[in-house]
Amino acid sequence: MTHLMDKSKKRSRWYFGGLASAGAACVTHPLDLLKVHLQTQQEGKTSVYKSTVNIIRTQGVAALYSGLSASLLRQLTYSTVRFGVYEVGKQAIETPGQHAPFYQKLVLAGVSGAAGGIVGTPGDLINVRMQNDIKLPVDKRRNYTWAGNGLMRVCQEEGFRTLFNGCSTATARAVLMTMGQLSFYDQIKLTLIKTHYFTDNYVTHFVASLLAGAIATTMTQPLDVLKTRAMNAKPGEFKGYVPAFVRLAPQTILTFLFLENLRLNFGSFPPQ
């Protein structure tokens, strides 16, 4: 009985990833909004700075948080599922003191990402549409009041299947994203700790998450643009790596910092 209780104490709670991602989204939402604007602009080219200034000047600072409810819905579905499946799966293939080989975690991350991508597509679609709404002419805006209103109106006006527009691209992106973030974060963190120059602390978490964010951005950038266009249903020109990294790196760093804090204070994790 004691052995079972000790083993239980070493398990992370499966929903921590979703909560951590939602917390990170509250901080990085303006960056996500700017990324969507840059990926869907139809005429000319603009920078992150110019786009930010233009939004604040014409719409106000609050406009940078347009669609926040949809962003939270997306993270609480997409990220909860992908982190949850990955965490439960990792616990199943690992034994105390023995870490699974990287290739197994890579495959597990891919499966987790696919599950999260499918479940999170409706929230992702509403998120993209709400973020893009403020740059459209007034007569062409969808004007969803919040995420639930967006889901209901899409079902009523366009049909339930429309909620899954861009699902195949979003799922492919989620597979690569989860591989780049979760499996590489775990592996980089373990590698750093094994050098004996790092311990399991904030510095290690920051470095590992920053590198994982760079890897995830590199792996997902082309599909990220295609997903955004498919969900917004408006053509745009291909946008660069830097805006995507500027958004994804802080999101990844904050997600894992929040996740490690949740594990430390409200659960526990397998010993490194």
C-alpha atoms as a PDB file:
ATOM      1  CA  MET A   1       0.000   0.000   0.000  1.00  0.00           C
ATOM      2  CA  THR A   2       2.834   2.377   0.865  1.00  0.00           C
ATOM      3  CA  HIS A   3       4.535   1.516  -2.418  1.00  0.00           C
ATOM      4  CA  LEU A   4       1.374   2.375  -4.355  1.00  0.00           C
ATOM      5  CA  MET A   5       1.000   5.668  -2.501  1.00  0.00           C
ATOM      6  CA  ASP A   6       4.638   6.606  -3.165  1.00  0.00           C
ATOM      7  CA  LYS A   7       4.250   5.762  -6.831  1.00  0.00           C
ATOM      8  CA  SER A   8       1.072   7.845  -6.995  1.00  0.00           C
ATOM      9  CA  LYS A   9       2.866  10.831  -5.483  1.00  0.00           C
ATOM     10  CA  LYS A  10       5.365  10.781  -8.354  1.00  0.00           C
ATOM     11  CA  ARG A  11       2.696  11.293 -10.975  1.00  0.00           C
ATOM     12  CA  SER A  12       2.009  14.686 -12.538  1.00  0.00           C
ATOM     13  CA  ARG A  13      -1.606  15.658 -12.851  1.00  0.00           C
ATOM     14  CA  TRP A  14      -2.657  15.271 -16.488  1.00  0.00           C
ATOM     15  CA  TYR A  15      -4.482  18.620 -16.646  1.00  0.00           C
ATOM     16  CA  PHE A  16      -1.535  20.754 -15.504  1.00  0.00           C
ATOM     17  CA  GLY A  17      -0.417  21.316 -19.109  1.00  0.00           C
ATOM     18  CA  GLY A  18      -3.742  22.851 -20.067  1.00  0.00           C
ATOM     19  CA  LEU A  19      -3.768  25.160 -17.059  1.00  0.00           C
ATOM     20  CA  ALA A  20      -0.159  26.197 -17.683  1.00  0.00           C
ATOM     21  CA  SER A  21      -0.871  26.883 -21.359  1.00  0.00           C
ATOM     22  CA  ALA A  22      -3.959  28.940 -20.487  1.00  0.00           C
ATOM     23  CA  GLY A  23      -1.905  30.996 -18.047  1.00  0.00           C
ATOM     24  CA  ALA A  24       0.749  31.585 -20.683  1.00  0.00           C
ATOM     25  CA  ALA A  25      -1.922  32.561 -23.221  1.00  0.00           C
ATOM     26  CA  CYS A  26      -3.145  35.350 -20.930  1.00  0.00           C
ATOM     27  CA  VAL A  27       0.323  36.906 -21.131  1.00  0.00           C
ATOM     28  CA  THR A  28       1.203  36.224 -24.770  1.00  0.00           C
ATOM     29  CA  HIS A  29      -2.200  36.747 -26.405  1.00  0.00           C
ATOM     30  CA  PRO A  30      -1.235  40.111 -27.972  1.00  0.00           C
ATOM     31  CA  LEU A  31       1.733  38.407 -29.669  1.00  0.00           C
ATOM     32  CA  ASP A  32      -0.559  35.683 -30.994  1.00  0.00           C
ATOM     33  CA  LEU A  33      -2.962  38.326 -32.312  1.00  0.00           C
ATOM     34  CA  LEU A  34      -0.123  40.143 -34.095  1.00  0.00           C
ATOM     35  CA  LYS A  35       1.060  36.871 -35.612  1.00  0.00           C
ATOM     36  CA  VAL A  36      -2.411  36.212 -37.052  1.00  0.00           C
ATOM     37  CA  HIS A  37      -2.557  39.755 -38.483  1.00  0.00           C
ATOM     38  CA  LEU A  38       0.815  39.406 -40.160  1.00  0.00           C
ATOM     39  CA  GLN A  39      -0.070  36.008 -41.607  1.00  0.00           C
ATOM     40  CA  THR A  40      -3.368  37.197 -43.067  1.00  0.00           C
ATOM     41  CA  GLN A  41      -2.495  40.660 -44.368  1.00  0.00           C
ATOM     42  CA  GLN A  42      -3.341  40.952 -48.026  1.00  0.00           C
ATOM     43  CA  GLU A  43      -1.587  44.088 -49.160  1.00  0.00           C
ATOM     44  CA  GLY A  44       1.964  45.246 -48.599  1.00  0.00           C
ATOM     45  CA  LYS A  45       4.249  44.287 -45.766  1.00  0.00           C
ATOM     46  CA  THR A  46       4.421  45.567 -42.227  1.00  0.00           C
ATOM     47  CA  SER A  47       6.470  44.833 -39.131  1.00  0.00           C
ATOM     48  CA  VAL A  48       5.385  43.668 -35.688  1.00  0.00           C
ATOM     49  CA  TYR A  49       6.076  47.151 -34.342  1.00  0.00           C
ATOM     50  CA  LYS A  50       4.055  48.966 -37.025  1.00  0.00           C
ATOM     51  CA  SER A  51       1.191  46.537 -36.671  1.00  0.00           C
ATOM     52  CA  THR A  52       1.129  47.029 -32.891  1.00  0.00           C
ATOM     53  CA  VAL A  53       1.168  50.825 -33.175  1.00  0.00           C
ATOM     54  CA  ASN A  54      -1.581  50.760 -35.791  1.00  0.00           C
ATOM     55  CA  ILE A  55      -3.861  48.557 -33.664  1.00  0.00           C
ATOM     56  CA  ILE A  56      -3.373  50.687 -30.542  1.00  0.00           C
ATOM     57  CA  ARG A  57      -3.866  53.955 -32.443  1.00  0.00           C
ATOM     58  CA  THR A  58      -7.021  52.867 -34.268  1.00  0.00           C
ATOM     59  CA  GLN A  59      -8.618  50.419 -31.830  1.00  0.00           C
ATOM     60  CA  GLY A  60      -7.066  51.056 -28.413  1.00  0.00           C
ATOM     61  CA  VAL A  61      -4.876  48.904 -26.183  1.00  0.00           C
ATOM     62  CA  ALA A  62      -7.772  46.593 -25.299  1.00  0.00           C
ATOM     63  CA  ALA A  63      -7.901  45.497 -28.940  1.00  0.00           C
ATOM     64  CA  LEU A  64      -4.646  43.593 -28.398  1.00  0.00           C
ATOM     65  CA  TYR A  65      -6.703  41.183 -26.299  1.00  0.00           C
ATOM     66  CA  SER A  66      -9.436  40.645 -28.877  1.00  0.00           C
ATOM     67  CA  GLY A  67     -10.465  36.999 -28.835  1.00  0.00           C
ATOM     68  CA  LEU A  68      -8.876  36.165 -25.474  1.00  0.00           C
ATOM     69  CA  SER A  69     -11.833  33.965 -24.491  1.00  0.00           C
ATOM     70  CA  ALA A  70     -11.303  31.919 -27.661  1.00  0.00           C
ATOM     71  CA  SER A  71      -7.587  31.676 -26.961  1.00  0.00           C
ATOM     72  CA  LEU A  72      -8.338  30.293 -23.505  1.00  0.00           C
ATOM     73  CA  LEU A  73     -10.895  27.875 -24.964  1.00  0.00           C
ATOM     74  CA  ARG A  74      -8.267  26.670 -27.424  1.00  0.00           C
ATOM     75  CA  GLN A  75      -5.639  26.099 -24.746  1.00  0.00           C
ATOM     76  CA  LEU A  76      -8.065  24.393 -22.371  1.00  0.00           C
ATOM     77  CA  THR A  77      -9.015  21.927 -25.124  1.00  0.00           C
ATOM     78  CA  TYR A  78      -5.978  21.595 -27.413  1.00  0.00           C
ATOM     79  CA  SER A  79      -3.233  21.847 -24.793  1.00  0.00           C
ATOM     80  CA  THR A  80      -5.079  19.958 -22.058  1.00  0.00           C
ATOM     81  CA  VAL A  81      -5.481  16.979 -24.389  1.00  0.00           C
ATOM     82  CA  ARG A  82      -1.973  16.986 -25.858  1.00  0.00           C
ATOM     83  CA  PHE A  83      -0.207  17.519 -22.525  1.00  0.00           C
ATOM     84  CA  GLY A  84      -2.568  15.067 -20.809  1.00  0.00           C
ATOM     85  CA  VAL A  85      -2.108  12.257 -23.327  1.00  0.00           C
ATOM     86  CA  TYR A  86       1.657  12.821 -23.339  1.00  0.00           C
ATOM     87  CA  GLU A  87       1.930  12.836 -19.540  1.00  0.00           C
ATOM     88  CA  VAL A  88      -0.225   9.743 -19.028  1.00  0.00           C
ATOM     89  CA  GLY A  89       1.570   7.930 -21.851  1.00  0.00           C
ATOM     90  CA  LYS A  90       5.004   8.856 -20.512  1.00  0.00           C
ATOM     91  CA  GLN A  91       4.090   7.584 -17.068  1.00  0.00           C
ATOM     92  CA  ALA A  92       2.995   4.301 -18.653  1.00  0.00           C
ATOM     93  CA  ILE A  93       6.260   3.706 -20.547  1.00  0.00           C
ATOM     94  CA  GLU A  94       8.649   4.934 -17.865  1.00  0.00           C
ATOM     95  CA  THR A  95       9.631   3.266 -14.608  1.00  0.00           C
ATOM     96  CA  PRO A  96      10.939   5.061 -11.495  1.00  0.00           C
ATOM     97  CA  GLY A  97      14.491   6.223 -12.145  1.00  0.00           C
ATOM     98  CA  GLN A  98      14.412   5.024 -15.764  1.00  0.00           C
ATOM     99  CA  HIS A  99      13.520   7.486 -18.536  1.00  0.00           C
ATOM    100  CA  ALA A 100      11.992   6.363 -21.817  1.00  0.00           C
ATOM    101  CA  PRO A 101      14.198   6.582 -24.933  1.00  0.00           C
ATOM    102  CA  PHE A 102      13.837   9.833 -26.841  1.00  0.00           C
ATOM    103  CA  TYR A 103      12.340   8.167 -29.926  1.00  0.00           C
ATOM    104  CA  GLN A 104       9.497   6.760 -27.807  1.00  0.00           C
ATOM    105  CA  LYS A 105       8.742  10.189 -26.366  1.00  0.00           C
ATOM    106  CA  LEU A 106       8.900  11.669 -29.870  1.00  0.00           C
ATOM    107  CA  VAL A 107       6.295   9.179 -31.143  1.00  0.00           C
ATOM    108  CA  LEU A 108       4.155   9.701 -28.041  1.00  0.00           C
ATOM    109  CA  ALA A 109       4.318  13.469 -28.539  1.00  0.00           C
ATOM    110  CA  GLY A 110       3.173  13.040 -32.142  1.00  0.00           C
ATOM    111  CA  VAL A 111       0.160  10.972 -31.097  1.00  0.00           C
ATOM    112  CA  SER A 112      -0.634  13.451 -28.319  1.00  0.00           C
ATOM    113  CA  GLY A 113      -0.416  16.361 -30.740  1.00  0.00           C
ATOM    114  CA  ALA A 114      -2.781  14.665 -33.198  1.00  0.00           C
ATOM    115  CA  ALA A 115      -5.381  14.143 -30.476  1.00  0.00           C
ATOM    116  CA  GLY A 116      -5.026  17.712 -29.245  1.00  0.00           C
ATOM    117  CA  GLY A 117      -5.138  19.139 -32.763  1.00  0.00           C
ATOM    118  CA  ILE A 118      -8.476  17.499 -33.539  1.00  0.00           C
ATOM    119  CA  VAL A 119     -10.124  18.412 -30.225  1.00  0.00           C
ATOM    120  CA  GLY A 120      -8.765  21.964 -30.320  1.00  0.00           C
ATOM    121  CA  THR A 121      -9.699  22.882 -33.908  1.00  0.00           C
ATOM    122  CA  PRO A 122     -13.063  24.547 -33.120  1.00  0.00           C
ATOM    123  CA  GLY A 123     -11.482  26.754 -30.458  1.00  0.00           C
ATOM    124  CA  ASP A 124      -8.577  27.499 -32.785  1.00  0.00           C
ATOM    125  CA  LEU A 125     -10.931  28.529 -35.596  1.00  0.00           C
ATOM    126  CA  ILE A 126     -12.876  30.899 -33.352  1.00  0.00           C
ATOM    127  CA  ASN A 127      -9.596  32.259 -31.979  1.00  0.00           C
ATOM    128  CA  VAL A 128      -8.243  33.096 -35.452  1.00  0.00           C
ATOM    129  CA  ARG A 129     -11.511  34.702 -36.532  1.00  0.00           C
ATOM    130  CA  MET A 130     -11.900  36.842 -33.410  1.00  0.00           C
ATOM    131  CA  GLN A 131      -8.305  38.026 -33.572  1.00  0.00           C
ATOM    132  CA  ASN A 132      -8.590  38.933 -37.238  1.00  0.00           C
ATOM    133  CA  ASP A 133     -11.951  40.692 -36.844  1.00  0.00           C
ATOM    134  CA  ILE A 134     -10.571  44.052 -35.705  1.00  0.00           C
ATOM    135  CA  LYS A 135      -8.671  44.641 -38.939  1.00  0.00           C
ATOM    136  CA  LEU A 136     -11.669  44.000 -41.195  1.00  0.00           C
ATOM    137  CA  PRO A 137     -14.069  46.696 -42.411  1.00  0.00           C
ATOM    138  CA  VAL A 138     -16.952  47.162 -39.964  1.00  0.00           C
ATOM    139  CA  ASP A 139     -19.514  45.669 -42.359  1.00  0.00           C
ATOM    140  CA  LYS A 140     -17.453  42.495 -42.826  1.00  0.00           C
ATOM    141  CA  ARG A 141     -16.717  41.738 -39.172  1.00  0.00           C
ATOM    142  CA  ARG A 142     -18.179  38.618 -37.605  1.00  0.00           C
ATOM    143  CA  ASN A 143     -18.489  40.325 -34.195  1.00  0.00           C
ATOM    144  CA  TYR A 144     -18.452  37.224 -32.003  1.00  0.00           C
ATOM    145  CA  THR A 145     -19.010  38.494 -28.455  1.00  0.00           C
ATOM    146  CA  TRP A 146     -17.066  35.623 -26.870  1.00  0.00           C
ATOM    147  CA  ALA A 147     -15.884  32.116 -27.717  1.00  0.00           C
ATOM    148  CA  GLY A 148     -19.183  30.408 -26.878  1.00  0.00           C
ATOM    149  CA  ASN A 149     -21.087  32.875 -29.051  1.00  0.00           C
ATOM    150  CA  GLY A 150     -18.665  32.172 -31.903  1.00  0.00           C
ATOM    151  CA  LEU A 151     -19.136  28.404 -31.645  1.00  0.00           C
ATOM    152  CA  MET A 152     -22.930  28.753 -31.580  1.00  0.00           C
ATOM    153  CA  ARG A 153     -23.045  31.178 -34.527  1.00  0.00           C
ATOM    154  CA  VAL A 154     -20.757  29.074 -36.690  1.00  0.00           C
ATOM    155  CA  CYS A 155     -23.032  26.069 -36.107  1.00  0.00           C
ATOM    156  CA  GLN A 156     -26.158  28.105 -36.858  1.00  0.00           C
ATOM    157  CA  GLU A 157     -24.870  30.125 -39.826  1.00  0.00           C
ATOM    158  CA  GLU A 158     -22.326  27.841 -41.460  1.00  0.00           C
ATOM    159  CA  GLY A 159     -22.994  24.366 -40.104  1.00  0.00           C
ATOM    160  CA  PHE A 160     -21.241  22.221 -37.510  1.00  0.00           C
ATOM    161  CA  ARG A 161     -18.650  20.916 -39.976  1.00  0.00           C
ATOM    162  CA  THR A 162     -17.303  24.442 -40.475  1.00  0.00           C
ATOM    163  CA  LEU A 163     -15.914  24.293 -36.925  1.00  0.00           C
ATOM    164  CA  PHE A 164     -13.372  21.835 -38.285  1.00  0.00           C
ATOM    165  CA  ASN A 165     -12.201  23.930 -41.250  1.00  0.00           C
ATOM    166  CA  GLY A 166      -8.443  23.560 -41.429  1.00  0.00           C
ATOM    167  CA  CYS A 167      -8.521  20.529 -39.115  1.00  0.00           C
ATOM    168  CA  SER A 168      -6.064  18.472 -41.171  1.00  0.00           C
ATOM    169  CA  THR A 169      -3.534  21.307 -41.298  1.00  0.00           C
ATOM    170  CA  ALA A 170      -4.098  22.219 -37.641  1.00  0.00           C
ATOM    171  CA  THR A 171      -3.622  18.585 -36.631  1.00  0.00           C
ATOM    172  CA  ALA A 172      -0.436  18.213 -38.683  1.00  0.00           C
ATOM    173  CA  ARG A 173       0.862  21.409 -37.087  1.00  0.00           C
ATOM    174  CA  ALA A 174      -0.110  20.152 -33.617  1.00  0.00           C
ATOM    175  CA  VAL A 175       1.819  16.924 -34.201  1.00  0.00           C
ATOM    176  CA  LEU A 176       4.985  18.844 -35.072  1.00  0.00           C
ATOM    177  CA  MET A 177       4.370  21.440 -32.357  1.00  0.00           C
ATOM    178  CA  THR A 178       4.006  18.819 -29.640  1.00  0.00           C
ATOM    179  CA  MET A 179       7.066  16.950 -30.835  1.00  0.00           C
ATOM    180  CA  GLY A 180       9.062  20.181 -30.852  1.00  0.00           C
ATOM    181  CA  GLN A 181       7.824  21.383 -27.488  1.00  0.00           C
ATOM    182  CA  LEU A 182       7.171  18.409 -25.203  1.00  0.00           C
ATOM    183  CA  SER A 183       9.583  15.689 -26.274  1.00  0.00           C
ATOM    184  CA  PHE A 184      12.451  18.084 -26.991  1.00  0.00           C
ATOM    185  CA  TYR A 185      11.840  19.995 -23.759  1.00  0.00           C
ATOM    186  CA  ASP A 186      12.066  16.761 -21.785  1.00  0.00           C
ATOM    187  CA  GLN A 187      15.184  15.633 -23.624  1.00  0.00           C
ATOM    188  CA  ILE A 188      16.981  18.984 -23.458  1.00  0.00           C
ATOM    189  CA  LYS A 189      16.170  19.315 -19.754  1.00  0.00           C
ATOM    190  CA  LEU A 190      17.546  15.840 -19.031  1.00  0.00           C
ATOM    191  CA  THR A 191      20.666  16.501 -21.104  1.00  0.00           C
ATOM    192  CA  LEU A 192      21.353  19.785 -19.322  1.00  0.00           C
ATOM    193  CA  ILE A 193      20.956  18.209 -15.887  1.00  0.00           C
ATOM    194  CA  LYS A 194      23.285  15.335 -16.800  1.00  0.00           C
ATOM    195  CA  THR A 195      26.091  17.809 -17.560  1.00  0.00           C
ATOM    196  CA  HIS A 196      26.163  18.675 -13.825  1.00  0.00           C
ATOM    197  CA  TYR A 197      26.342  22.365 -14.734  1.00  0.00           C
ATOM    198  CA  PHE A 198      22.558  22.601 -14.384  1.00  0.00           C
ATOM    199  CA  THR A 199      20.111  21.532 -11.716  1.00  0.00           C
ATOM    200  CA  ASP A 200      16.336  21.160 -11.867  1.00  0.00           C
ATOM    201  CA  ASN A 201      15.620  24.869 -11.388  1.00  0.00           C
ATOM    202  CA  TYR A 202      14.215  27.920 -13.174  1.00  0.00           C
ATOM    203  CA  VAL A 203      17.394  28.500 -15.208  1.00  0.00           C
ATOM    204  CA  THR A 204      17.268  24.978 -16.626  1.00  0.00           C
ATOM    205  CA  HIS A 205      13.540  25.239 -17.293  1.00  0.00           C
ATOM    206  CA  PHE A 206      14.046  28.559 -19.085  1.00  0.00           C
ATOM    207  CA  VAL A 207      16.920  27.346 -21.267  1.00  0.00           C
ATOM    208  CA  ALA A 208      15.179  24.071 -22.143  1.00  0.00           C
ATOM    209  CA  SER A 209      11.893  25.792 -22.991  1.00  0.00           C
ATOM    210  CA  LEU A 210      13.612  28.486 -25.070  1.00  0.00           C
ATOM    211  CA  LEU A 211      15.412  25.866 -27.155  1.00  0.00           C
ATOM    212  CA  ALA A 212      12.232  23.784 -27.437  1.00  0.00           C
ATOM    213  CA  GLY A 213      10.361  26.898 -28.596  1.00  0.00           C
ATOM    214  CA  ALA A 214      12.942  27.522 -31.322  1.00  0.00           C
ATOM    215  CA  ILE A 215      12.718  23.911 -32.488  1.00  0.00           C
ATOM    216  CA  ALA A 216       8.898  23.984 -32.469  1.00  0.00           C
ATOM    217  CA  THR A 217       8.838  27.249 -34.443  1.00  0.00           C
ATOM    218  CA  THR A 218      11.187  25.825 -37.064  1.00  0.00           C
ATOM    219  CA  MET A 219       9.106  22.665 -37.417  1.00  0.00           C
ATOM    220  CA  THR A 220       5.692  24.337 -37.601  1.00  0.00           C
ATOM    221  CA  GLN A 221       6.120  27.673 -39.377  1.00  0.00           C
ATOM    222  CA  PRO A 222       4.875  26.683 -42.868  1.00  0.00           C
ATOM    223  CA  LEU A 223       1.876  24.772 -41.507  1.00  0.00           C
ATOM    224  CA  ASP A 224       1.094  27.579 -39.057  1.00  0.00           C
ATOM    225  CA  VAL A 225       0.599  30.020 -41.933  1.00  0.00           C
ATOM    226  CA  LEU A 226      -1.541  27.556 -43.898  1.00  0.00           C
ATOM    227  CA  LYS A 227      -3.674  26.781 -40.828  1.00  0.00           C
ATOM    228  CA  THR A 228      -4.314  30.463 -40.123  1.00  0.00           C
ATOM    229  CA  ARG A 229      -5.382  31.126 -43.706  1.00  0.00           C
ATOM    230  CA  ALA A 230      -7.641  28.083 -43.886  1.00  0.00           C
ATOM    231  CA  MET A 231      -9.463  29.052 -40.691  1.00  0.00           C
ATOM    232  CA  ASN A 232      -9.825  32.696 -41.633  1.00  0.00           C
ATOM    233  CA  ALA A 233     -10.836  31.806 -45.197  1.00  0.00           C
ATOM    234  CA  LYS A 234      -8.960  34.766 -46.655  1.00  0.00           C
ATOM    235  CA  PRO A 235      -5.754  34.560 -48.714  1.00  0.00           C
ATOM    236  CA  GLY A 236      -2.579  36.275 -47.620  1.00  0.00           C
ATOM    237  CA  GLU A 237       1.095  36.069 -48.410  1.00  0.00           C
ATOM    238  CA  PHE A 238       3.599  33.861 -46.640  1.00  0.00           C
ATOM    239  CA  LYS A 239       4.971  35.501 -43.510  1.00  0.00           C
ATOM    240  CA  GLY A 240       8.335  35.025 -41.861  1.00  0.00           C
ATOM    241  CA  TYR A 241       9.901  33.025 -39.104  1.00  0.00           C
ATOM    242  CA  VAL A 242      10.677  35.890 -36.737  1.00  0.00           C
ATOM    243  CA  PRO A 243       7.049  36.917 -35.917  1.00  0.00           C
ATOM    244  CA  ALA A 244       6.199  33.276 -35.278  1.00  0.00           C
ATOM    245  CA  PHE A 245       9.186  32.821 -32.973  1.00  0.00           C
ATOM    246  CA  VAL A 246       8.502  36.112 -31.166  1.00  0.00           C
ATOM    247  CA  ARG A 247       5.100  34.726 -30.266  1.00  0.00           C
ATOM    248  CA  LEU A 248       5.878  31.043 -29.739  1.00  0.00           C
ATOM    249  CA  ALA A 249       9.065  31.370 -27.684  1.00  0.00           C
ATOM    250  CA  PRO A 250       7.429  33.345 -24.810  1.00  0.00           C
ATOM    251  CA  GLN A 251       4.394  31.032 -24.976  1.00  0.00           C
ATOM    252  CA  THR A 252       6.608  27.953 -24.681  1.00  0.00           C
ATOM    253  CA  ILE A 253       8.787  29.431 -21.920  1.00  0.00           C
ATOM    254  CA  LEU A 254       5.841  30.591 -19.815  1.00  0.00           C
ATOM    255  CA  THR A 255       3.949  27.322 -20.353  1.00  0.00           C
ATOM    256  CA  PHE A 256       6.802  25.216 -19.007  1.00  0.00           C
ATOM    257  CA  LEU A 257       7.634  27.621 -16.179  1.00  0.00           C
ATOM    258  CA  PHE A 258       3.988  27.543 -15.086  1.00  0.00           C
ATOM    259  CA  LEU A 259       3.881  23.761 -15.568  1.00  0.00           C
ATOM    260  CA  GLU A 260       6.970  23.148 -13.447  1.00  0.00           C
ATOM    261  CA  ASN A 261       5.521  25.383 -10.719  1.00  0.00           C
ATOM    262  CA  LEU A 262       2.234  23.487 -10.774  1.00  0.00           C
ATOM    263  CA  ARG A 263       4.137  20.215 -10.501  1.00  0.00           C
ATOM    264  CA  LEU A 264       6.258  21.545  -7.658  1.00  0.00           C
ATOM    265  CA  ASN A 265       3.441  23.072  -5.601  1.00  0.00           C
ATOM    266  CA  PHE A 266       0.364  20.982  -6.385  1.00  0.00           C
ATOM    267  CA  GLY A 267       1.710  17.657  -7.566  1.00  0.00           C
ATOM    268  CA  SER A 268       5.024  15.979  -8.058  1.00  0.00           C
ATOM    269  CA  PHE A 269       7.020  14.633 -10.935  1.00  0.00           C
ATOM    270  CA  PRO A 270       9.299  11.675 -11.554  1.00  0.00           C
ATOM    271  CA  PRO A 271      12.826  12.188 -10.193  1.00  0.00           C
ATOM    272  CA  GLN A 272      15.392  13.290 -12.755  1.00  0.00           C
END
